[in-house]
Amino acid sequence: TLVTNYKKDPKLLDTSEEDERDDDEDDGRPARSRRR
């Protein structure tokens, strides 16, 4: 999976700052609801 993503676009292996901020927020919703 990692190598396939790297071949498509090396940036896919980066963790976006927006996702990190959203993961740090504790708004009482489960992770699946936040991703949706």
PDB file of all heavy atoms in Angstrom:
ATOM      1  N   THR A   1       0.821  -1.203   0.000  1.00  0.00           N
ATOM      2  CA  THR A   1       0.000   0.000   0.000  1.00  0.00           C
ATOM      3  C   THR A   1       0.859   1.258   0.000  1.00  0.00           C
ATOM      4  O   THR A   1       0.592   2.207  -0.758  1.00  0.00           O
ATOM      5  CB  THR A   1      -0.928   0.000   1.228  1.00  0.00           C
ATOM      6  OG1 THR A   1      -1.754  -1.158   1.203  1.00  0.00           O
ATOM      7  CG2 THR A   1      -1.810   1.245   1.237  1.00  0.00           C
ATOM      8  N   LEU A   2       1.907   1.278   0.832  1.00  0.00           N
ATOM      9  CA  LEU A   2       2.776   2.459   0.900  1.00  0.00           C
ATOM     10  C   LEU A   2       3.495   2.697  -0.427  1.00  0.00           C
ATOM     11  O   LEU A   2       3.566   3.836  -0.909  1.00  0.00           O
ATOM     12  CB  LEU A   2       3.794   2.289   2.028  1.00  0.00           C
ATOM     13  CG  LEU A   2       3.263   2.395   3.456  1.00  0.00           C
ATOM     14  CD1 LEU A   2       4.366   2.074   4.445  1.00  0.00           C
ATOM     15  CD2 LEU A   2       2.702   3.779   3.721  1.00  0.00           C
ATOM     16  N   VAL A   3       4.028   1.647  -1.025  1.00  0.00           N
ATOM     17  CA  VAL A   3       4.759   1.807  -2.275  1.00  0.00           C
ATOM     18  C   VAL A   3       3.816   2.207  -3.405  1.00  0.00           C
ATOM     19  O   VAL A   3       4.155   3.043  -4.257  1.00  0.00           O
ATOM     20  CB  VAL A   3       5.512   0.506  -2.626  1.00  0.00           C
ATOM     21  CG1 VAL A   3       6.153   0.602  -4.009  1.00  0.00           C
ATOM     22  CG2 VAL A   3       6.584   0.227  -1.577  1.00  0.00           C
ATOM     23  N   THR A   4       2.624   1.631  -3.427  1.00  0.00           N
ATOM     24  CA  THR A   4       1.643   1.995  -4.464  1.00  0.00           C
ATOM     25  C   THR A   4       1.257   3.457  -4.349  1.00  0.00           C
ATOM     26  O   THR A   4       1.181   4.175  -5.360  1.00  0.00           O
ATOM     27  CB  THR A   4       0.401   1.100  -4.341  1.00  0.00           C
ATOM     28  OG1 THR A   4       0.783  -0.269  -4.468  1.00  0.00           O
ATOM     29  CG2 THR A   4      -0.606   1.437  -5.428  1.00  0.00           C
ATOM     30  N   ASN A   5       1.013   3.922  -3.139  1.00  0.00           N
ATOM     31  CA  ASN A   5       0.687   5.339  -2.949  1.00  0.00           C
ATOM     32  C   ASN A   5       1.846   6.246  -3.319  1.00  0.00           C
ATOM     33  O   ASN A   5       1.657   7.332  -3.871  1.00  0.00           O
ATOM     34  CB  ASN A   5       0.272   5.590  -1.501  1.00  0.00           C
ATOM     35  CG  ASN A   5      -1.054   4.946  -1.157  1.00  0.00           C
ATOM     36  OD1 ASN A   5      -1.858   4.658  -2.046  1.00  0.00           O
ATOM     37  ND2 ASN A   5      -1.287   4.707   0.124  1.00  0.00           N
ATOM     38  N   TYR A   6       3.063   5.774  -3.004  1.00  0.00           N
ATOM     39  CA  TYR A   6       4.244   6.581  -3.345  1.00  0.00           C
ATOM     40  C   TYR A   6       4.387   6.719  -4.854  1.00  0.00           C
ATOM     41  O   TYR A   6       4.740   7.791  -5.360  1.00  0.00           O
ATOM     42  CB  TYR A   6       5.486   5.928  -2.742  1.00  0.00           C
ATOM     43  CG  TYR A   6       6.783   6.516  -3.254  1.00  0.00           C
ATOM     44  CD1 TYR A   6       7.231   7.749  -2.811  1.00  0.00           C
ATOM     45  CD2 TYR A   6       7.548   5.836  -4.202  1.00  0.00           C
ATOM     46  CE1 TYR A   6       8.414   8.292  -3.295  1.00  0.00           C
ATOM     47  CE2 TYR A   6       8.719   6.367  -4.683  1.00  0.00           C
ATOM     48  CZ  TYR A   6       9.155   7.592  -4.224  1.00  0.00           C
ATOM     49  OH  TYR A   6      10.315   8.131  -4.707  1.00  0.00           O
ATOM     50  N   LYS A   7       4.129   5.665  -5.584  1.00  0.00           N
ATOM     51  CA  LYS A   7       4.242   5.735  -7.040  1.00  0.00           C
ATOM     52  C   LYS A   7       3.194   6.663  -7.636  1.00  0.00           C
ATOM     53  O   LYS A   7       3.453   7.362  -8.624  1.00  0.00           O
ATOM     54  CB  LYS A   7       4.107   4.338  -7.645  1.00  0.00           C
ATOM     55  CG  LYS A   7       5.319   3.446  -7.409  1.00  0.00           C
ATOM     56  CD  LYS A   7       5.147   2.107  -8.111  1.00  0.00           C
ATOM     57  CE  LYS A   7       6.386   1.248  -7.958  1.00  0.00           C
ATOM     58  NZ  LYS A   7       6.244  -0.053  -8.647  1.00  0.00           N
ATOM     59  N   LYS A   8       1.999   6.681  -7.040  1.00  0.00           N
ATOM     60  CA  LYS A   8       0.961   7.570  -7.544  1.00  0.00           C
ATOM     61  C   LYS A   8       1.307   9.024  -7.258  1.00  0.00           C
ATOM     62  O   LYS A   8       1.238   9.877  -8.137  1.00  0.00           O
ATOM     63  CB  LYS A   8      -0.383   7.219  -6.896  1.00  0.00           C
ATOM     64  CG  LYS A   8      -0.947   5.883  -7.341  1.00  0.00           C
ATOM     65  CD  LYS A   8      -2.272   5.610  -6.643  1.00  0.00           C
ATOM     66  CE  LYS A   8      -2.857   4.270  -7.081  1.00  0.00           C
ATOM     67  NZ  LYS A   8      -4.139   3.968  -6.381  1.00  0.00           N
ATOM     68  N   ASP A   9       1.654   9.295  -6.008  1.00  0.00           N
ATOM     69  CA  ASP A   9       1.993  10.661  -5.612  1.00  0.00           C
ATOM     70  C   ASP A   9       2.711  10.601  -4.269  1.00  0.00           C
ATOM     71  O   ASP A   9       2.117  10.202  -3.264  1.00  0.00           O
ATOM     72  CB  ASP A   9       0.730  11.513  -5.489  1.00  0.00           C
ATOM     73  CG  ASP A   9       1.053  12.979  -5.186  1.00  0.00           C
ATOM     74  OD1 ASP A   9       2.245  13.312  -5.074  1.00  0.00           O
ATOM     75  OD2 ASP A   9       0.105  13.767  -5.071  1.00  0.00           O
ATOM     76  N   PRO A  10       4.003  10.952  -4.199  1.00  0.00           N
ATOM     77  CA  PRO A  10       4.737  10.903  -2.931  1.00  0.00           C
ATOM     78  C   PRO A  10       4.078  11.704  -1.823  1.00  0.00           C
ATOM     79  O   PRO A  10       4.252  11.399  -0.636  1.00  0.00           O
ATOM     80  CB  PRO A  10       6.113  11.472  -3.290  1.00  0.00           C
ATOM     81  CG  PRO A  10       6.251  11.228  -4.754  1.00  0.00           C
ATOM     82  CD  PRO A  10       4.867  11.366  -5.325  1.00  0.00           C
ATOM     83  N   LYS A  11       3.301  12.742  -2.184  1.00  0.00           N
ATOM     84  CA  LYS A  11       2.672  13.566  -1.165  1.00  0.00           C
ATOM     85  C   LYS A  11       1.555  12.832  -0.434  1.00  0.00           C
ATOM     86  O   LYS A  11       1.108  13.271   0.623  1.00  0.00           O
ATOM     87  CB  LYS A  11       2.114  14.839  -1.801  1.00  0.00           C
ATOM     88  CG  LYS A  11       3.194  15.757  -2.349  1.00  0.00           C
ATOM     89  CD  LYS A  11       2.590  17.023  -2.918  1.00  0.00           C
ATOM     90  CE  LYS A  11       3.681  17.958  -3.459  1.00  0.00           C
ATOM     91  NZ  LYS A  11       3.104  19.190  -4.040  1.00  0.00           N
ATOM     92  N   LEU A  12       1.084  11.721  -0.998  1.00  0.00           N
ATOM     93  CA  LEU A  12       0.046  10.957  -0.327  1.00  0.00           C
ATOM     94  C   LEU A  12       0.535  10.351   0.981  1.00  0.00           C
ATOM     95  O   LEU A  12      -0.263   9.996   1.845  1.00  0.00           O
ATOM     96  CB  LEU A  12      -0.466   9.832  -1.246  1.00  0.00           C
ATOM     97  CG  LEU A  12      -1.253  10.270  -2.483  1.00  0.00           C
ATOM     98  CD1 LEU A  12      -1.594   9.056  -3.336  1.00  0.00           C
ATOM     99  CD2 LEU A  12      -2.523  11.010  -2.098  1.00  0.00           C
ATOM    100  N   LEU A  13       1.861  10.224   1.116  1.00  0.00           N
ATOM    101  CA  LEU A  13       2.425   9.672   2.347  1.00  0.00           C
ATOM    102  C   LEU A  13       2.517  10.703   3.451  1.00  0.00           C
ATOM    103  O   LEU A  13       2.820  10.359   4.595  1.00  0.00           O
ATOM    104  CB  LEU A  13       3.817   9.091   2.083  1.00  0.00           C
ATOM    105  CG  LEU A  13       3.878   7.967   1.063  1.00  0.00           C
ATOM    106  CD1 LEU A  13       5.302   7.477   0.909  1.00  0.00           C
ATOM    107  CD2 LEU A  13       2.969   6.824   1.449  1.00  0.00           C
ATOM    108  N   ASP A  14       2.292  11.971   3.140  1.00  0.00           N
ATOM    109  CA  ASP A  14       2.344  13.010   4.148  1.00  0.00           C
ATOM    110  C   ASP A  14       1.040  13.047   4.931  1.00  0.00           C
ATOM    111  O   ASP A  14      -0.032  12.752   4.411  1.00  0.00           O
ATOM    112  CB  ASP A  14       2.578  14.385   3.514  1.00  0.00           C
ATOM    113  CG  ASP A  14       3.985  14.496   2.949  1.00  0.00           C
ATOM    114  OD1 ASP A  14       4.855  13.764   3.457  1.00  0.00           O
ATOM    115  OD2 ASP A  14       4.189  15.285   2.021  1.00  0.00           O
ATOM    116  N   THR A  15       1.141  13.450   6.162  1.00  0.00           N
ATOM    117  CA  THR A  15      -0.042  13.657   6.993  1.00  0.00           C
ATOM    118  C   THR A  15      -0.387  15.134   6.940  1.00  0.00           C
ATOM    119  O   THR A  15       0.428  15.985   7.293  1.00  0.00           O
ATOM    120  CB  THR A  15       0.232  13.243   8.448  1.00  0.00           C
ATOM    121  OG1 THR A  15       0.615  11.880   8.455  1.00  0.00           O
ATOM    122  CG2 THR A  15      -1.007  13.447   9.309  1.00  0.00           C
ATOM    123  N   SER A  16      -1.553  15.456   6.469  1.00  0.00           N
ATOM    124  CA  SER A  16      -1.933  16.854   6.292  1.00  0.00           C
ATOM    125  C   SER A  16      -2.111  17.525   7.638  1.00  0.00           C
ATOM    126  O   SER A  16      -2.522  16.919   8.622  1.00  0.00           O
ATOM    127  CB  SER A  16      -3.236  16.959   5.490  1.00  0.00           C
ATOM    128  OG  SER A  16      -4.300  16.386   6.219  1.00  0.00           O
ATOM    129  N   GLU A  17      -1.799  18.827   7.684  1.00  0.00           N
ATOM    130  CA  GLU A  17      -1.925  19.576   8.920  1.00  0.00           C
ATOM    131  C   GLU A  17      -3.383  19.685   9.342  1.00  0.00           C
ATOM    132  O   GLU A  17      -3.712  19.703  10.528  1.00  0.00           O
ATOM    133  CB  GLU A  17      -1.322  20.968   8.742  1.00  0.00           C
ATOM    134  CG  GLU A  17       0.173  20.950   8.466  1.00  0.00           C
ATOM    135  CD  GLU A  17       0.720  22.354   8.303  1.00  0.00           C
ATOM    136  OE1 GLU A  17      -0.090  23.297   8.391  1.00  0.00           O
ATOM    137  OE2 GLU A  17       1.939  22.488   8.110  1.00  0.00           O
ATOM    138  N   GLU A  18      -4.279  19.730   8.358  1.00  0.00           N
ATOM    139  CA  GLU A  18      -5.696  19.829   8.692  1.00  0.00           C
ATOM    140  C   GLU A  18      -6.175  18.590   9.414  1.00  0.00           C
ATOM    141  O   GLU A  18      -6.916  18.660  10.398  1.00  0.00           O
ATOM    142  CB  GLU A  18      -6.504  20.034   7.407  1.00  0.00           C
ATOM    143  CG  GLU A  18      -8.010  20.180   7.665  1.00  0.00           C
ATOM    144  CD  GLU A  18      -8.784  20.366   6.368  1.00  0.00           C
ATOM    145  OE1 GLU A  18      -8.140  20.458   5.310  1.00  0.00           O
ATOM    146  OE2 GLU A  18     -10.026  20.414   6.440  1.00  0.00           O
ATOM    147  N   ASP A  19      -5.710  17.393   8.959  1.00  0.00           N
ATOM    148  CA  ASP A  19      -6.104  16.153   9.625  1.00  0.00           C
ATOM    149  C   ASP A  19      -5.548  16.092  11.037  1.00  0.00           C
ATOM    150  O   ASP A  19      -6.209  15.605  11.954  1.00  0.00           O
ATOM    151  CB  ASP A  19      -5.623  14.945   8.825  1.00  0.00           C
ATOM    152  CG  ASP A  19      -6.384  14.803   7.513  1.00  0.00           C
ATOM    153  OD1 ASP A  19      -7.490  15.373   7.435  1.00  0.00           O
ATOM    154  OD2 ASP A  19      -5.872  14.139   6.591  1.00  0.00           O
ATOM    155  N   GLU A  20      -4.322  16.593  11.221  1.00  0.00           N
ATOM    156  CA  GLU A  20      -3.729  16.564  12.546  1.00  0.00           C
ATOM    157  C   GLU A  20      -4.488  17.461  13.506  1.00  0.00           C
ATOM    158  O   GLU A  20      -4.712  17.125  14.659  1.00  0.00           O
ATOM    159  CB  GLU A  20      -2.257  16.991  12.467  1.00  0.00           C
ATOM    160  CG  GLU A  20      -1.368  15.981  11.756  1.00  0.00           C
ATOM    161  CD  GLU A  20       0.059  16.460  11.680  1.00  0.00           C
ATOM    162  OE1 GLU A  20       0.305  17.616  12.097  1.00  0.00           O
ATOM    163  OE2 GLU A  20       0.916  15.679  11.216  1.00  0.00           O
ATOM    164  N   ARG A  21      -4.896  18.647  13.005  1.00  0.00           N
ATOM    165  CA  ARG A  21      -5.654  19.538  13.868  1.00  0.00           C
ATOM    166  C   ARG A  21      -7.007  18.940  14.230  1.00  0.00           C
ATOM    167  O   ARG A  21      -7.465  19.022  15.364  1.00  0.00           O
ATOM    168  CB  ARG A  21      -5.848  20.899  13.172  1.00  0.00           C
ATOM    169  CG  ARG A  21      -4.565  21.731  13.074  1.00  0.00           C
ATOM    170  CD  ARG A  21      -4.910  23.168  12.747  1.00  0.00           C
ATOM    171  NE  ARG A  21      -5.666  23.268  11.492  1.00  0.00           N
ATOM    172  CZ  ARG A  21      -5.087  23.434  10.291  1.00  0.00           C
ATOM    173  NH1 ARG A  21      -3.771  23.521  10.202  1.00  0.00           N
ATOM    174  NH2 ARG A  21      -5.811  23.522   9.197  1.00  0.00           N
ATOM    175  N   ASP A  22      -7.644  18.316  13.245  1.00  0.00           N
ATOM    176  CA  ASP A  22      -8.953  17.726  13.505  1.00  0.00           C
ATOM    177  C   ASP A  22      -8.855  16.555  14.481  1.00  0.00           C
ATOM    178  O   ASP A  22      -9.752  16.332  15.289  1.00  0.00           O
ATOM    179  CB  ASP A  22      -9.600  17.254  12.201  1.00  0.00           C
ATOM    180  CG  ASP A  22      -9.984  18.444  11.311  1.00  0.00           C
ATOM    181  OD1 ASP A  22     -10.127  19.558  11.871  1.00  0.00           O
ATOM    182  OD2 ASP A  22     -10.119  18.249  10.084  1.00  0.00           O
ATOM    183  N   ASP A  23      -7.751  15.779  14.380  1.00  0.00           N
ATOM    184  CA  ASP A  23      -7.584  14.648  15.296  1.00  0.00           C
ATOM    185  C   ASP A  23      -7.350  15.107  16.717  1.00  0.00           C
ATOM    186  O   ASP A  23      -7.688  14.422  17.675  1.00  0.00           O
ATOM    187  CB  ASP A  23      -6.422  13.762  14.838  1.00  0.00           C
ATOM    188  CG  ASP A  23      -6.758  13.020  13.549  1.00  0.00           C
ATOM    189  OD1 ASP A  23      -7.964  12.865  13.271  1.00  0.00           O
ATOM    190  OD2 ASP A  23      -5.818  12.615  12.837  1.00  0.00           O
ATOM    191  N   ASP A  24      -6.697  16.304  16.869  1.00  0.00           N
ATOM    192  CA  ASP A  24      -6.416  16.814  18.207  1.00  0.00           C
ATOM    193  C   ASP A  24      -7.649  17.406  18.871  1.00  0.00           C
ATOM    194  O   ASP A  24      -7.691  17.557  20.098  1.00  0.00           O
ATOM    195  CB  ASP A  24      -5.313  17.872  18.159  1.00  0.00           C
ATOM    196  CG  ASP A  24      -3.977  17.275  17.772  1.00  0.00           C
ATOM    197  OD1 ASP A  24      -3.822  16.056  17.997  1.00  0.00           O
ATOM    198  OD2 ASP A  24      -3.110  18.002  17.246  1.00  0.00           O
ATOM    199  N   GLU A  25      -8.644  17.775  18.086  1.00  0.00           N
ATOM    200  CA  GLU A  25      -9.855  18.365  18.650  1.00  0.00           C
ATOM    201  C   GLU A  25     -10.718  17.270  19.264  1.00  0.00           C
ATOM    202  O   GLU A  25     -10.926  16.221  18.682  1.00  0.00           O
ATOM    203  CB  GLU A  25     -10.649  19.097  17.572  1.00  0.00           C
ATOM    204  CG  GLU A  25      -9.909  20.320  17.005  1.00  0.00           C
ATOM    205  CD  GLU A  25     -10.711  20.965  15.881  1.00  0.00           C
ATOM    206  OE1 GLU A  25     -11.760  20.390  15.531  1.00  0.00           O
ATOM    207  OE2 GLU A  25     -10.283  22.013  15.384  1.00  0.00           O
ATOM    208  N   ASP A  26     -11.207  17.543  20.443  1.00  0.00           N
ATOM    209  CA  ASP A  26     -12.083  16.590  21.122  1.00  0.00           C
ATOM    210  C   ASP A  26     -13.467  17.199  21.214  1.00  0.00           C
ATOM    211  O   ASP A  26     -13.809  17.891  22.178  1.00  0.00           O
ATOM    212  CB  ASP A  26     -11.534  16.285  22.527  1.00  0.00           C
ATOM    213  CG  ASP A  26     -12.334  15.195  23.206  1.00  0.00           C
ATOM    214  OD1 ASP A  26     -13.133  14.536  22.530  1.00  0.00           O
ATOM    215  OD2 ASP A  26     -12.154  15.023  24.430  1.00  0.00           O
ATOM    216  N   ASP A  27     -14.278  17.019  20.173  1.00  0.00           N
ATOM    217  CA  ASP A  27     -15.601  17.622  20.140  1.00  0.00           C
ATOM    218  C   ASP A  27     -16.691  16.648  20.550  1.00  0.00           C
ATOM    219  O   ASP A  27     -17.872  16.884  20.335  1.00  0.00           O
ATOM    220  CB  ASP A  27     -15.899  18.176  18.741  1.00  0.00           C
ATOM    221  CG  ASP A  27     -15.737  17.122  17.653  1.00  0.00           C
ATOM    222  OD1 ASP A  27     -15.425  15.968  18.026  1.00  0.00           O
ATOM    223  OD2 ASP A  27     -15.909  17.445  16.471  1.00  0.00           O
ATOM    224  N   GLY A  28     -16.296  15.500  21.088  1.00  0.00           N
ATOM    225  CA  GLY A  28     -17.293  14.555  21.556  1.00  0.00           C
ATOM    226  C   GLY A  28     -17.835  13.636  20.483  1.00  0.00           C
ATOM    227  O   GLY A  28     -18.634  12.756  20.766  1.00  0.00           O
ATOM    228  N   ARG A  29     -17.416  13.810  19.238  1.00  0.00           N
ATOM    229  CA  ARG A  29     -17.889  12.941  18.172  1.00  0.00           C
ATOM    230  C   ARG A  29     -16.869  11.844  17.906  1.00  0.00           C
ATOM    231  O   ARG A  29     -15.680  12.073  18.038  1.00  0.00           O
ATOM    232  CB  ARG A  29     -18.111  13.739  16.885  1.00  0.00           C
ATOM    233  CG  ARG A  29     -19.254  14.734  16.973  1.00  0.00           C
ATOM    234  CD  ARG A  29     -19.382  15.493  15.663  1.00  0.00           C
ATOM    235  NE  ARG A  29     -18.178  16.280  15.383  1.00  0.00           N
ATOM    236  CZ  ARG A  29     -17.945  16.883  14.212  1.00  0.00           C
ATOM    237  NH1 ARG A  29     -18.821  16.747  13.229  1.00  0.00           N
ATOM    238  NH2 ARG A  29     -16.848  17.569  14.038  1.00  0.00           N
ATOM    239  N   PRO A  30     -17.329  10.668  17.490  1.00  0.00           N
ATOM    240  CA  PRO A  30     -16.385   9.592  17.152  1.00  0.00           C
ATOM    241  C   PRO A  30     -15.582   9.954  15.933  1.00  0.00           C
ATOM    242  O   PRO A  30     -15.953  10.817  15.142  1.00  0.00           O
ATOM    243  CB  PRO A  30     -17.292   8.378  16.905  1.00  0.00           C
ATOM    244  CG  PRO A  30     -18.626   8.955  16.573  1.00  0.00           C
ATOM    245  CD  PRO A  30     -18.735  10.224  17.348  1.00  0.00           C
ATOM    246  N   ALA A  31     -14.433   9.253  15.759  1.00  0.00           N
ATOM    247  CA  ALA A  31     -13.527   9.557  14.644  1.00  0.00           C
ATOM    248  C   ALA A  31     -14.221   9.379  13.312  1.00  0.00           C
ATOM    249  O   ALA A  31     -13.991  10.143  12.368  1.00  0.00           O
ATOM    250  CB  ALA A  31     -12.287   8.656  14.727  1.00  0.00           C
ATOM    251  N   ARG A  32     -15.101   8.380  13.184  1.00  0.00           N
ATOM    252  CA  ARG A  32     -15.778   8.141  11.915  1.00  0.00           C
ATOM    253  C   ARG A  32     -16.683   9.322  11.558  1.00  0.00           C
ATOM    254  O   ARG A  32     -16.774   9.750  10.408  1.00  0.00           O
ATOM    255  CB  ARG A  32     -16.589   6.859  11.998  1.00  0.00           C
ATOM    256  CG  ARG A  32     -17.281   6.499  10.697  1.00  0.00           C
ATOM    257  CD  ARG A  32     -18.021   5.181  10.819  1.00  0.00           C
ATOM    258  NE  ARG A  32     -17.084   4.111  11.144  1.00  0.00           N
ATOM    259  CZ  ARG A  32     -17.482   2.867  11.377  1.00  0.00           C
ATOM    260  NH1 ARG A  32     -18.785   2.542  11.319  1.00  0.00           N
ATOM    261  NH2 ARG A  32     -16.586   1.935  11.661  1.00  0.00           N
ATOM    262  N   SER A  33     -17.381   9.909  12.551  1.00  0.00           N
ATOM    263  CA  SER A  33     -18.255  11.050  12.288  1.00  0.00           C
ATOM    264  C   SER A  33     -17.458  12.268  11.871  1.00  0.00           C
ATOM    265  O   SER A  33     -17.867  13.038  10.994  1.00  0.00           O
ATOM    266  CB  SER A  33     -19.081  11.357  13.548  1.00  0.00           C
ATOM    267  OG  SER A  33     -19.884  10.253  13.907  1.00  0.00           O
ATOM    268  N   ARG A  34     -16.272  12.479  12.500  1.00  0.00           N
ATOM    269  CA  ARG A  34     -15.449  13.616  12.115  1.00  0.00           C
ATOM    270  C   ARG A  34     -14.935  13.492  10.706  1.00  0.00           C
ATOM    271  O   ARG A  34     -14.894  14.460   9.956  1.00  0.00           O
ATOM    272  CB  ARG A  34     -14.270  13.731  13.093  1.00  0.00           C
ATOM    273  CG  ARG A  34     -14.706  14.096  14.523  1.00  0.00           C
ATOM    274  CD  ARG A  34     -13.515  14.657  15.309  1.00  0.00           C
ATOM    275  NE  ARG A  34     -12.433  13.687  15.383  1.00  0.00           N
ATOM    276  CZ  ARG A  34     -12.324  12.802  16.377  1.00  0.00           C
ATOM    277  NH1 ARG A  34     -13.264  12.730  17.311  1.00  0.00           N
ATOM    278  NH2 ARG A  34     -11.314  11.962  16.415  1.00  0.00           N
ATOM    279  N   ARG A  35     -14.553  12.247  10.302  1.00  0.00           N
ATOM    280  CA  ARG A  35     -14.085  12.074   8.934  1.00  0.00           C
ATOM    281  C   ARG A  35     -15.211  12.294   7.934  1.00  0.00           C
ATOM    282  O   ARG A  35     -15.016  12.867   6.858  1.00  0.00           O
ATOM    283  CB  ARG A  35     -13.506  10.655   8.770  1.00  0.00           C
ATOM    284  CG  ARG A  35     -12.178  10.457   9.490  1.00  0.00           C
ATOM    285  CD  ARG A  35     -11.493   9.213   8.945  1.00  0.00           C
ATOM    286  NE  ARG A  35     -12.288   8.016   9.247  1.00  0.00           N
ATOM    287  CZ  ARG A  35     -12.142   7.298  10.357  1.00  0.00           C
ATOM    288  NH1 ARG A  35     -11.265   7.654  11.283  1.00  0.00           N
ATOM    289  NH2 ARG A  35     -12.880   6.217  10.542  1.00  0.00           N
ATOM    290  N   ARG A  36     -16.450  11.862   8.300  1.00  0.00           N
ATOM    291  CA  ARG A  36     -17.571  12.056   7.393  1.00  0.00           C
ATOM    292  C   ARG A  36     -17.902  13.540   7.263  1.00  0.00           C
ATOM    293  O   ARG A  36     -18.228  14.037   6.181  1.00  0.00           O
ATOM    294  CB  ARG A  36     -18.791  11.301   7.922  1.00  0.00           C
ATOM    295  CG  ARG A  36     -19.970  11.353   6.943  1.00  0.00           C
ATOM    296  CD  ARG A  36     -21.198  10.643   7.495  1.00  0.00           C
ATOM    297  NE  ARG A  36     -20.893   9.203   7.640  1.00  0.00           N
ATOM    298  CZ  ARG A  36     -20.802   8.611   8.829  1.00  0.00           C
ATOM    299  NH1 ARG A  36     -20.944   9.300   9.945  1.00  0.00           N
ATOM    300  NH2 ARG A  36     -20.551   7.315   8.900  1.00  0.00           N
TER     301      ARG A  36
END
